[in-house]
Every structure is written in structure tokens, then in C-alpha cells.
PDB file of N, CA and C in Angstrom:
ATOM      1  N   MET A   1       0.830  -1.175   0.000  1.00  0.00           N
ATOM      2  CA  MET A   1       0.000   0.000   0.000  1.00  0.00           C
ATOM      3  C   MET A   1       0.880   1.246   0.000  1.00  0.00           C
ATOM      4  N   SER A   2       0.398   2.265  -0.626  1.00  0.00           N
ATOM      5  CA  SER A   2       1.108   3.528  -0.688  1.00  0.00           C
ATOM      6  C   SER A   2       0.510   4.515   0.310  1.00  0.00           C
ATOM      7  N   ASP A   3       1.372   5.285   0.931  1.00  0.00           N
ATOM      8  CA  ASP A   3       0.924   6.303   1.872  1.00  0.00           C
ATOM      9  C   ASP A   3       0.864   7.678   1.232  1.00  0.00           C
ATOM     10  N   THR A   4       0.995   7.755  -0.081  1.00  0.00           N
ATOM     11  CA  THR A   4       1.003   9.024  -0.793  1.00  0.00           C
ATOM     12  C   THR A   4      -0.410   9.577  -0.901  1.00  0.00           C
ATOM     13  N   THR A   5      -0.549  10.841  -0.562  1.00  0.00           N
ATOM     14  CA  THR A   5      -1.841  11.510  -0.706  1.00  0.00           C
ATOM     15  C   THR A   5      -1.659  12.766  -1.540  1.00  0.00           C
ATOM     16  N   ILE A   6      -2.678  13.188  -2.197  1.00  0.00           N
ATOM     17  CA  ILE A   6      -2.654  14.390  -3.027  1.00  0.00           C
ATOM     18  C   ILE A   6      -3.460  15.462  -2.313  1.00  0.00           C
ATOM     19  N   THR A   7      -2.807  16.613  -2.117  1.00  0.00           N
ATOM     20  CA  THR A   7      -3.481  17.739  -1.484  1.00  0.00           C
ATOM     21  C   THR A   7      -3.997  18.657  -2.576  1.00  0.00           C
ATOM     22  N   PRO A   8      -5.305  18.827  -2.702  1.00  0.00           N
ATOM     23  CA  PRO A   8      -5.850  19.614  -3.806  1.00  0.00           C
ATOM     24  C   PRO A   8      -5.657  21.124  -3.667  1.00  0.00           C
ATOM     25  N   GLY A   9      -5.246  21.639  -2.521  1.00  0.00           N
ATOM     26  CA  GLY A   9      -5.167  23.074  -2.316  1.00  0.00           C
ATOM     27  C   GLY A   9      -3.826  23.706  -2.697  1.00  0.00           C
ATOM     28  N   ILE A  10      -2.867  22.931  -3.201  1.00  0.00           N
ATOM     29  CA  ILE A  10      -1.544  23.460  -3.525  1.00  0.00           C
ATOM     30  C   ILE A  10      -1.507  23.862  -4.993  1.00  0.00           C
ATOM     31  N   ALA A  11      -1.137  25.120  -5.253  1.00  0.00           N
ATOM     32  CA  ALA A  11      -1.039  25.614  -6.630  1.00  0.00           C
ATOM     33  C   ALA A  11       0.433  25.859  -6.974  1.00  0.00           C
ATOM     34  N   ILE A  12       0.801  25.606  -8.206  1.00  0.00           N
ATOM     35  CA  ILE A  12       2.166  25.850  -8.679  1.00  0.00           C
ATOM     36  C   ILE A  12       2.264  27.306  -9.101  1.00  0.00           C
ATOM     37  N   VAL A  13       3.249  28.004  -8.513  1.00  0.00           N
ATOM     38  CA  VAL A  13       3.434  29.420  -8.799  1.00  0.00           C
ATOM     39  C   VAL A  13       4.639  29.567  -9.729  1.00  0.00           C
ATOM     40  N   PRO A  14       4.481  30.243 -10.868  1.00  0.00           N
ATOM     41  CA  PRO A  14       5.629  30.424 -11.772  1.00  0.00           C
ATOM     42  C   PRO A  14       6.665  31.368 -11.167  1.00  0.00           C
ATOM     43  N   ILE A  15       7.932  31.131 -11.519  1.00  0.00           N
ATOM     44  CA  ILE A  15       9.019  31.979 -11.025  1.00  0.00           C
ATOM     45  C   ILE A  15       9.176  33.159 -11.978  1.00  0.00           C
ATOM     46  N   PRO A  16       9.125  34.393 -11.469  1.00  0.00           N
ATOM     47  CA  PRO A  16       9.303  35.562 -12.341  1.00  0.00           C
ATOM     48  C   PRO A  16      10.710  35.593 -12.934  1.00  0.00           C
ATOM     49  N   VAL A  17      10.832  36.105 -14.149  1.00  0.00           N
ATOM     50  CA  VAL A  17      12.107  36.153 -14.848  1.00  0.00           C
ATOM     51  C   VAL A  17      13.116  36.998 -14.078  1.00  0.00           C
ATOM     52  N   ARG A  18      12.674  38.072 -13.448  1.00  0.00           N
ATOM     53  CA  ARG A  18      13.617  38.948 -12.735  1.00  0.00           C
ATOM     54  C   ARG A  18      14.242  38.237 -11.539  1.00  0.00           C
ATOM     55  N   GLU A  19      13.609  37.201 -11.012  1.00  0.00           N
ATOM     56  CA  GLU A  19      14.202  36.423  -9.928  1.00  0.00           C
ATOM     57  C   GLU A  19      15.080  35.300 -10.467  1.00  0.00           C
ATOM     58  N   LEU A  20      14.840  34.877 -11.672  1.00  0.00           N
ATOM     59  CA  LEU A  20      15.599  33.796 -12.288  1.00  0.00           C
ATOM     60  C   LEU A  20      16.856  34.306 -12.989  1.00  0.00           C
ATOM     61  N   LEU A  21      16.835  35.523 -13.477  1.00  0.00           N
ATOM     62  CA  LEU A  21      17.929  36.084 -14.260  1.00  0.00           C
ATOM     63  C   LEU A  21      19.273  36.093 -13.528  1.00  0.00           C
ATOM     64  N   PRO A  22      19.367  36.466 -12.249  1.00  0.00           N
ATOM     65  CA  PRO A  22      20.679  36.427 -11.580  1.00  0.00           C
ATOM     66  C   PRO A  22      21.288  35.028 -11.538  1.00  0.00           C
ATOM     67  N   TRP A  23      20.459  33.996 -11.397  1.00  0.00           N
ATOM     68  CA  TRP A  23      20.962  32.624 -11.376  1.00  0.00           C
ATOM     69  C   TRP A  23      21.461  32.204 -12.753  1.00  0.00           C
ATOM     70  N   VAL A  24      20.789  32.651 -13.799  1.00  0.00           N
ATOM     71  CA  VAL A  24      21.231  32.344 -15.164  1.00  0.00           C
ATOM     72  C   VAL A  24      22.578  33.022 -15.437  1.00  0.00           C
ATOM     73  N   ILE A  25      22.701  34.283 -15.037  1.00  0.00           N
ATOM     74  CA  ILE A  25      23.959  35.012 -15.227  1.00  0.00           C
ATOM     75  C   ILE A  25      25.081  34.336 -14.437  1.00  0.00           C
ATOM     76  N   PHE A  26      24.801  33.942 -13.199  1.00  0.00           N
ATOM     77  CA  PHE A  26      25.799  33.254 -12.386  1.00  0.00           C
ATOM     78  C   PHE A  26      26.231  31.945 -13.046  1.00  0.00           C
ATOM     79  N   GLY A  27      25.284  31.195 -13.599  1.00  0.00           N
ATOM     80  CA  GLY A  27      25.601  29.934 -14.263  1.00  0.00           C
ATOM     81  C   GLY A  27      26.484  30.132 -15.481  1.00  0.00           C
ATOM     82  N   VAL A  28      26.186  31.152 -16.271  1.00  0.00           N
ATOM     83  CA  VAL A  28      26.994  31.441 -17.454  1.00  0.00           C
ATOM     84  C   VAL A  28      28.407  31.843 -17.044  1.00  0.00           C
ATOM     85  N   LEU A  29      28.539  32.679 -16.025  1.00  0.00           N
ATOM     86  CA  LEU A  29      29.865  33.092 -15.546  1.00  0.00           C
ATOM     87  C   LEU A  29      30.638  31.910 -14.966  1.00  0.00           C
ATOM     88  N   ALA A  30      29.952  31.018 -14.277  1.00  0.00           N
ATOM     89  CA  ALA A  30      30.613  29.836 -13.724  1.00  0.00           C
ATOM     90  C   ALA A  30      31.117  28.927 -14.837  1.00  0.00           C
ATOM     91  N   LEU A  31      30.313  28.722 -15.879  1.00  0.00           N
ATOM     92  CA  LEU A  31      30.759  27.899 -17.004  1.00  0.00           C
ATOM     93  C   LEU A  31      31.932  28.538 -17.732  1.00  0.00           C
ATOM     94  N   LEU A  32      31.910  29.849 -17.858  1.00  0.00           N
ATOM     95  CA  LEU A  32      33.017  30.551 -18.489  1.00  0.00           C
ATOM     96  C   LEU A  32      34.293  30.407 -17.651  1.00  0.00           C
ATOM     97  N   ALA A  33      34.163  30.497 -16.337  1.00  0.00           N
ATOM     98  CA  ALA A  33      35.320  30.319 -15.461  1.00  0.00           C
ATOM     99  C   ALA A  33      35.871  28.904 -15.563  1.00  0.00           C
ATOM    100  N   ILE A  34      34.994  27.905 -15.604  1.00  0.00           N
ATOM    101  CA  ILE A  34      35.446  26.523 -15.748  1.00  0.00           C
ATOM    102  C   ILE A  34      36.148  26.328 -17.088  1.00  0.00           C
ATOM    103  N   TYR A  35      35.660  26.987 -18.138  1.00  0.00           N
ATOM    104  CA  TYR A  35      36.332  26.898 -19.435  1.00  0.00           C
ATOM    105  C   TYR A  35      37.750  27.444 -19.334  1.00  0.00           C
ATOM    106  N   PHE A  36      37.887  28.643 -18.770  1.00  0.00           N
ATOM    107  CA  PHE A  36      39.209  29.258 -18.712  1.00  0.00           C
ATOM    108  C   PHE A  36      40.171  28.475 -17.826  1.00  0.00           C
ATOM    109  N   VAL A  37      39.668  27.898 -16.742  1.00  0.00           N
ATOM    110  CA  VAL A  37      40.544  27.130 -15.860  1.00  0.00           C
ATOM    111  C   VAL A  37      40.829  25.751 -16.439  1.00  0.00           C
ATOM    112  N   GLY A  38      39.801  25.105 -16.985  1.00  0.00           N
ATOM    113  CA  GLY A  38      39.949  23.709 -17.367  1.00  0.00           C
ATOM    114  C   GLY A  38      40.295  23.418 -18.801  1.00  0.00           C
ATOM    115  N   ALA A  39      39.827  24.214 -19.735  1.00  0.00           N
ATOM    116  CA  ALA A  39      39.978  23.848 -21.144  1.00  0.00           C
ATOM    117  C   ALA A  39      40.973  24.714 -21.890  1.00  0.00           C
ATOM    118  N   ASP A  40      41.559  25.672 -21.236  1.00  0.00           N
ATOM    119  CA  ASP A  40      42.444  26.584 -21.946  1.00  0.00           C
ATOM    120  C   ASP A  40      43.853  26.015 -22.020  1.00  0.00           C
ATOM    121  N   GLU A  41      44.074  25.125 -22.955  1.00  0.00           N
ATOM    122  CA  GLU A  41      45.387  24.528 -23.191  1.00  0.00           C
ATOM    123  C   GLU A  41      45.956  24.965 -24.529  1.00  0.00           C
ATOM    124  N   GLY A  42      45.224  25.735 -25.290  1.00  0.00           N
ATOM    125  CA  GLY A  42      45.721  26.189 -26.573  1.00  0.00           C
ATOM    126  C   GLY A  42      44.919  25.658 -27.749  1.00  0.00           C
ATOM    127  N   ALA A  43      44.441  24.420 -27.684  1.00  0.00           N
ATOM    128  CA  ALA A  43      43.722  23.819 -28.806  1.00  0.00           C
ATOM    129  C   ALA A  43      42.349  24.447 -28.988  1.00  0.00           C
ATOM    130  N   THR A  44      41.661  24.723 -27.898  1.00  0.00           N
ATOM    131  CA  THR A  44      40.330  25.329 -27.980  1.00  0.00           C
ATOM    132  C   THR A  44      40.320  26.715 -27.375  1.00  0.00           C
ATOM    133  N   SER A  45      41.470  27.339 -27.290  1.00  0.00           N
ATOM    134  CA  SER A  45      41.602  28.612 -26.597  1.00  0.00           C
ATOM    135  C   SER A  45      40.965  29.754 -27.373  1.00  0.00           C
ATOM    136  N   ILE A  46      40.282  30.623 -26.659  1.00  0.00           N
ATOM    137  CA  ILE A  46      39.721  31.841 -27.249  1.00  0.00           C
ATOM    138  C   ILE A  46      40.826  32.881 -27.395  1.00  0.00           C
ATOM    139  N   VAL A  47      41.728  32.920 -26.408  1.00  0.00           N
ATOM    140  CA  VAL A  47      42.817  33.893 -26.383  1.00  0.00           C
ATOM    141  C   VAL A  47      44.074  33.213 -26.922  1.00  0.00           C
ATOM    142  N   PRO A  48      44.760  33.814 -27.907  1.00  0.00           N
ATOM    143  CA  PRO A  48      45.964  33.175 -28.441  1.00  0.00           C
ATOM    144  C   PRO A  48      47.092  33.158 -27.410  1.00  0.00           C
ATOM    145  N   GLY A  49      47.940  32.148 -27.489  1.00  0.00           N
ATOM    146  CA  GLY A  49      49.056  32.031 -26.559  1.00  0.00           C
ATOM    147  C   GLY A  49      48.666  31.290 -25.301  1.00  0.00           C
ATOM    148  N   MET A  50      49.560  31.281 -24.350  1.00  0.00           N
ATOM    149  CA  MET A  50      49.341  30.553 -23.095  1.00  0.00           C
ATOM    150  C   MET A  50      49.124  31.503 -21.918  1.00  0.00           C
ATOM    151  N   TYR A  51      48.717  32.754 -22.198  1.00  0.00           N
ATOM    152  CA  TYR A  51      48.570  33.757 -21.143  1.00  0.00           C
ATOM    153  C   TYR A  51      47.524  33.351 -20.110  1.00  0.00           C
ATOM    154  N   VAL A  52      46.352  32.934 -20.560  1.00  0.00           N
ATOM    155  CA  VAL A  52      45.281  32.558 -19.632  1.00  0.00           C
ATOM    156  C   VAL A  52      45.692  31.321 -18.846  1.00  0.00           C
ATOM    157  N   HIS A  53      46.339  30.377 -19.522  1.00  0.00           N
ATOM    158  CA  HIS A  53      46.795  29.156 -18.850  1.00  0.00           C
ATOM    159  C   HIS A  53      47.723  29.498 -17.687  1.00  0.00           C
ATOM    160  N   GLU A  54      48.640  30.402 -17.910  1.00  0.00           N
ATOM    161  CA  GLU A  54      49.579  30.774 -16.862  1.00  0.00           C
ATOM    162  C   GLU A  54      48.884  31.528 -15.727  1.00  0.00           C
ATOM    163  N   TRP A  55      47.890  32.335 -16.040  1.00  0.00           N
ATOM    164  CA  TRP A  55      47.161  33.074 -15.002  1.00  0.00           C
ATOM    165  C   TRP A  55      46.377  32.146 -14.087  1.00  0.00           C
ATOM    166  N   VAL A  56      45.823  31.081 -14.627  1.00  0.00           N
ATOM    167  CA  VAL A  56      44.975  30.176 -13.839  1.00  0.00           C
ATOM    168  C   VAL A  56      45.677  28.865 -13.518  1.00  0.00           C
ATOM    169  N   HIS A  57      47.000  28.854 -13.627  1.00  0.00           N
ATOM    170  CA  HIS A  57      47.766  27.626 -13.446  1.00  0.00           C
ATOM    171  C   HIS A  57      47.543  26.984 -12.074  1.00  0.00           C
ATOM    172  N   ASP A  58      47.611  27.751 -11.010  1.00  0.00           N
ATOM    173  CA  ASP A  58      47.431  27.192  -9.666  1.00  0.00           C
ATOM    174  C   ASP A  58      45.997  26.726  -9.448  1.00  0.00           C
ATOM    175  N   ALA A  59      45.036  27.427 -10.022  1.00  0.00           N
ATOM    176  CA  ALA A  59      43.634  27.004  -9.901  1.00  0.00           C
ATOM    177  C   ALA A  59      43.414  25.668 -10.595  1.00  0.00           C
ATOM    178  N   ARG A  60      44.130  25.429 -11.693  1.00  0.00           N
ATOM    179  CA  ARG A  60      44.027  24.139 -12.384  1.00  0.00           C
ATOM    180  C   ARG A  60      44.445  23.011 -11.456  1.00  0.00           C
ATOM    181  N   HIS A  61      45.569  23.183 -10.762  1.00  0.00           N
ATOM    182  CA  HIS A  61      46.028  22.144  -9.846  1.00  0.00           C
ATOM    183  C   HIS A  61      45.076  21.996  -8.661  1.00  0.00           C
ATOM    184  N   LEU A  62      44.568  23.103  -8.142  1.00  0.00           N
ATOM    185  CA  LEU A  62      43.636  23.052  -7.009  1.00  0.00           C
ATOM    186  C   LEU A  62      42.370  22.283  -7.368  1.00  0.00           C
ATOM    187  N   LEU A  63      41.867  22.451  -8.587  1.00  0.00           N
ATOM    188  CA  LEU A  63      40.639  21.789  -9.012  1.00  0.00           C
ATOM    189  C   LEU A  63      40.881  20.411  -9.610  1.00  0.00           C
ATOM    190  N   GLY A  64      42.150  20.002  -9.744  1.00  0.00           N
ATOM    191  CA  GLY A  64      42.450  18.658 -10.214  1.00  0.00           C
ATOM    192  C   GLY A  64      42.556  18.521 -11.723  1.00  0.00           C
ATOM    193  N   PHE A  65      42.683  19.615 -12.455  1.00  0.00           N
ATOM    194  CA  PHE A  65      42.866  19.535 -13.898  1.00  0.00           C
ATOM    195  C   PHE A  65      44.346  19.262 -14.199  1.00  0.00           C
ATOM    196  N   PRO A  66      44.635  18.270 -15.036  1.00  0.00           N
ATOM    197  CA  PRO A  66      46.042  18.026 -15.380  1.00  0.00           C
ATOM    198  C   PRO A  66      46.536  19.081 -16.369  1.00  0.00           C
ATOM    199  N   CYS A  67      47.790  19.472 -16.230  1.00  0.00           N
ATOM    200  CA  CYS A  67      48.304  20.422 -17.197  1.00  0.00           C
ATOM    201  C   CYS A  67      49.778  20.197 -17.521  1.00  0.00           C
ATOM    202  N   HIS A  68      50.480  19.394 -16.768  1.00  0.00           N
ATOM    203  CA  HIS A  68      51.855  19.048 -17.151  1.00  0.00           C
ATOM    204  C   HIS A  68      52.317  17.820 -16.424  1.00  0.00           C
TER     205      HIS A  68
END
């Protein structure tokens, strides 16, 4: 037997865009940071050279990304 019951008085309230937008911006910035720390080895680099790699070198080791 299941003990699950349905309460008919609960309504789903939509989340306003102005409350969701900061989380979307934070997510995009976090993904961009992970790209620069984790994927910037030169092959898929947005910035030419190894400048970004050298700037985030210690963060790569802290987060467990191999680099040498």
C-alpha cells in the first residue's frame, strides 16, 4: 500500500524572470570560469598564446585539472 496523498489546495506558482535572471547570469559566468581554468590549453583557446593558462595555473592544480 502507498501512503502518498494528493493535497488539492496546492497551486504551482511560476518563477518571475527577474528572480531567475541572476541565477542564469551566475551559471553562465561559472561555465566561463570553468572553461578558462579547465579547457584553456591552446587547442580550444579563445585567447591566443598561453597567457590565460599561466594566469589560472594554480587554480588548475587546485581543481584537479592536469596540465603538465
